[in-house]
Amino acid sequence: MKSVILNATAFIFTLCLAVPAQAENPAHVKQLRETNLCQQCDLSGANLNGAHLIGADLRGANLKGATFESANLEGADLTNANLEGANFSKSYLNSASLNQANLREVNFSKANLSFANLIGANLINANLDNANLLSADLRQADVASQALESANLESARLPEGVNVE
């Protein structure tokens, strides 16, 4: 009898470990969707694919590992936000403020970042393949020249010492 209980307990424990954890705060996700305001919110790991968050206030929010594929964040304020490892592929971030944001390992492939402010942002290991950075401001951003090679940089302001031909 004890072995049956132990085996059942071990099986249930294993199942609990296999279920992926949801890190985001559901109340914060609801607040963002209803009000477009969520400063300092915990949205880490949230699935916001295709969301319409035009002009959203996400200053200082934790968006680590969140997915925003094909989302519209035009004019959103993500100043000082943590977006490490987030997915913004095919998203619209034109005229967004990403100043001082942690954009380490963010996927911006095919994203529209035209006229975006990325002053002082950390773009180490960010994927900018075919991203549109038309007139974007990247001054003081931490980004490698190689990461910008396939991006549209027409009229963009690049960090000092970064040259892309």
Protein backbone atom coordinates (compact mmCIF):
# COMPACT_ATOMS: atom_id res chain seq x y z
CA MET A 1 0.00 0.00 0.00
CA LYS A 2 2.83 2.41 0.86
CA SER A 3 4.48 1.82 -2.51
CA VAL A 4 1.24 2.64 -4.34
CA ILE A 5 0.92 5.92 -2.43
CA LEU A 6 4.57 6.78 -3.03
CA ASN A 7 4.30 6.00 -6.74
CA ALA A 8 1.13 8.08 -7.06
CA THR A 9 2.75 10.96 -5.19
CA ALA A 10 5.85 10.79 -7.38
CA PHE A 11 3.70 10.72 -10.52
CA ILE A 12 1.65 13.75 -9.45
CA PHE A 13 4.80 15.63 -8.45
CA THR A 14 6.31 14.92 -11.90
CA LEU A 15 3.17 16.23 -13.61
CA CYS A 16 3.34 19.43 -11.59
CA LEU A 17 6.89 20.00 -12.74
CA ALA A 18 5.96 19.47 -16.39
CA VAL A 19 3.32 22.25 -16.45
CA PRO A 20 4.88 25.50 -17.68
CA ALA A 21 4.75 28.34 -15.17
CA GLN A 22 2.91 31.54 -16.00
CA ALA A 23 4.96 34.36 -14.58
CA GLU A 24 2.84 37.32 -15.58
CA ASN A 25 0.43 38.85 -13.15
CA PRO A 26 -3.06 38.22 -14.67
CA ALA A 27 -4.40 41.39 -13.02
CA HIS A 28 -1.67 43.41 -14.76
CA VAL A 29 -2.48 41.84 -18.15
CA LYS A 30 -6.15 42.73 -17.63
CA GLN A 31 -5.22 46.28 -16.55
CA LEU A 32 -3.09 46.77 -19.67
CA ARG A 33 -5.77 45.47 -22.02
CA GLU A 34 -8.51 47.61 -20.41
CA THR A 35 -6.67 50.88 -19.73
CA ASN A 36 -3.48 50.84 -21.86
CA LEU A 37 -1.67 51.89 -18.66
CA CYS A 38 0.60 49.54 -16.78
CA GLN A 39 3.68 51.25 -15.35
CA GLN A 40 5.95 48.95 -13.32
CA CYS A 41 3.69 45.97 -14.16
CA ASP A 42 4.81 42.34 -14.21
CA LEU A 43 3.99 41.06 -17.68
CA SER A 44 6.92 38.65 -17.90
CA GLY A 45 6.12 35.72 -20.15
CA ALA A 46 2.74 37.19 -21.16
CA ASN A 47 1.28 36.30 -24.56
CA LEU A 48 0.22 39.57 -26.18
CA ASN A 49 0.51 38.45 -29.80
CA GLY A 50 -1.53 40.67 -32.09
CA ALA A 51 -2.49 43.03 -29.24
CA HIS A 52 -3.48 46.63 -30.06
CA LEU A 53 -1.57 48.69 -27.50
CA ILE A 54 -1.23 51.98 -29.36
CA GLY A 55 0.18 54.62 -27.01
CA ALA A 56 0.40 52.18 -24.07
CA ASP A 57 2.26 53.36 -20.98
CA LEU A 58 4.58 50.52 -19.98
CA ARG A 59 7.34 52.54 -18.34
CA GLY A 60 9.48 50.38 -16.09
CA ALA A 61 7.38 47.27 -16.78
CA ASN A 62 8.82 43.76 -16.66
CA LEU A 63 8.13 42.21 -20.07
CA LYS A 64 10.91 39.65 -19.93
CA GLY A 65 10.16 36.77 -22.30
CA ALA A 66 6.77 38.20 -23.34
CA THR A 67 5.50 37.67 -26.88
CA PHE A 68 4.18 40.57 -28.95
CA GLU A 69 4.36 39.05 -32.43
CA SER A 70 2.39 41.19 -34.91
CA ALA A 71 1.29 43.51 -32.08
CA ASN A 72 0.73 47.25 -32.52
CA LEU A 73 2.58 49.37 -29.97
CA GLU A 74 2.77 52.53 -32.04
CA GLY A 75 3.74 55.45 -29.81
CA ALA A 76 3.98 53.23 -26.71
CA ASP A 77 6.24 54.31 -23.84
CA LEU A 78 8.53 51.46 -22.80
CA THR A 79 11.17 53.66 -21.15
CA ASN A 80 13.26 51.70 -18.64
CA ALA A 81 11.26 48.53 -19.34
CA ASN A 82 12.83 45.07 -19.16
CA LEU A 83 12.10 43.30 -22.44
CA GLU A 84 14.93 40.77 -22.30
CA GLY A 85 14.21 37.80 -24.56
CA ALA A 86 10.83 39.18 -25.69
CA ASN A 87 9.47 38.52 -29.18
CA PHE A 88 8.41 41.58 -31.18
CA SER A 89 8.75 40.03 -34.63
CA LYS A 90 6.52 41.69 -37.23
CA SER A 91 5.32 44.20 -34.62
CA TYR A 92 4.68 47.92 -35.02
CA LEU A 93 6.75 50.03 -32.63
CA ASN A 94 6.93 53.14 -34.77
CA SER A 95 7.39 56.30 -32.71
CA ALA A 96 7.69 54.18 -29.53
CA SER A 97 9.99 55.21 -26.69
CA LEU A 98 12.41 52.45 -25.72
CA ASN A 99 14.90 54.76 -24.01
CA GLN A 100 17.12 53.01 -21.46
CA ALA A 101 15.18 49.77 -22.03
CA ASN A 102 16.75 46.34 -21.63
CA LEU A 103 16.33 44.88 -25.12
CA ARG A 104 18.92 42.14 -24.70
CA GLU A 105 18.14 39.15 -26.95
CA VAL A 106 14.84 40.68 -28.14
CA ASN A 107 13.54 39.46 -31.48
CA PHE A 108 12.74 42.52 -33.61
CA SER A 109 12.90 40.67 -36.95
CA LYS A 110 10.68 42.38 -39.53
CA ALA A 111 9.49 44.85 -36.87
CA ASN A 112 8.71 48.48 -37.68
CA LEU A 113 10.74 50.71 -35.34
CA SER A 114 10.64 53.79 -37.56
CA PHE A 115 11.01 57.04 -35.62
CA ALA A 116 11.45 55.04 -32.38
CA ASN A 117 13.66 56.36 -29.59
CA LEU A 118 16.16 53.78 -28.38
CA ILE A 119 18.57 56.17 -26.65
CA GLY A 120 20.75 54.27 -24.19
CA ALA A 121 18.95 50.96 -24.82
CA ASN A 122 20.73 47.64 -24.37
CA LEU A 123 20.43 45.82 -27.71
CA ILE A 124 23.09 43.18 -27.08
CA ASN A 125 22.28 40.04 -29.08
CA ALA A 126 19.01 41.56 -30.32
CA ASN A 127 17.70 40.21 -33.63
CA LEU A 128 17.16 43.16 -35.96
CA ASP A 129 16.95 41.15 -39.20
CA ASN A 130 14.97 43.16 -41.75
CA ALA A 131 13.78 45.58 -39.06
CA ASN A 132 12.72 49.05 -40.16
CA LEU A 133 14.69 51.63 -38.16
CA LEU A 134 13.93 54.57 -40.45
CA SER A 135 14.81 57.78 -38.56
CA ALA A 136 15.17 55.84 -35.28
CA ASP A 137 17.38 57.34 -32.58
CA LEU A 138 19.93 54.82 -31.32
CA ARG A 139 22.37 57.25 -29.74
CA GLN A 140 24.21 55.76 -26.76
CA ALA A 141 22.55 52.38 -27.41
CA ASP A 142 24.64 49.27 -26.85
CA VAL A 143 24.44 47.47 -30.19
CA ALA A 144 26.90 45.70 -32.47
CA SER A 145 27.31 46.84 -36.08
CA GLN A 146 26.60 43.28 -37.27
CA ALA A 147 23.14 43.34 -35.66
CA LEU A 148 22.21 46.32 -37.83
CA GLU A 149 23.49 45.01 -41.18
CA SER A 150 20.15 43.85 -42.58
CA ALA A 151 18.04 46.62 -40.99
CA ASN A 152 16.75 49.71 -42.77
CA LEU A 153 18.78 52.51 -41.17
CA GLU A 154 17.82 55.37 -43.47
CA SER A 155 18.20 58.64 -41.53
CA ALA A 156 18.75 56.71 -38.27
CA ARG A 157 20.97 58.24 -35.59
CA LEU A 158 23.51 55.55 -34.67
CA PRO A 159 25.65 55.20 -31.55
CA GLU A 160 29.08 56.78 -31.72
CA GLY A 161 31.57 54.38 -33.29
CA VAL A 162 28.95 52.17 -34.95
CA ASN A 163 29.25 52.23 -38.71
CA VAL A 164 27.13 50.19 -41.08
CA GLU A 165 27.82 50.30 -44.80
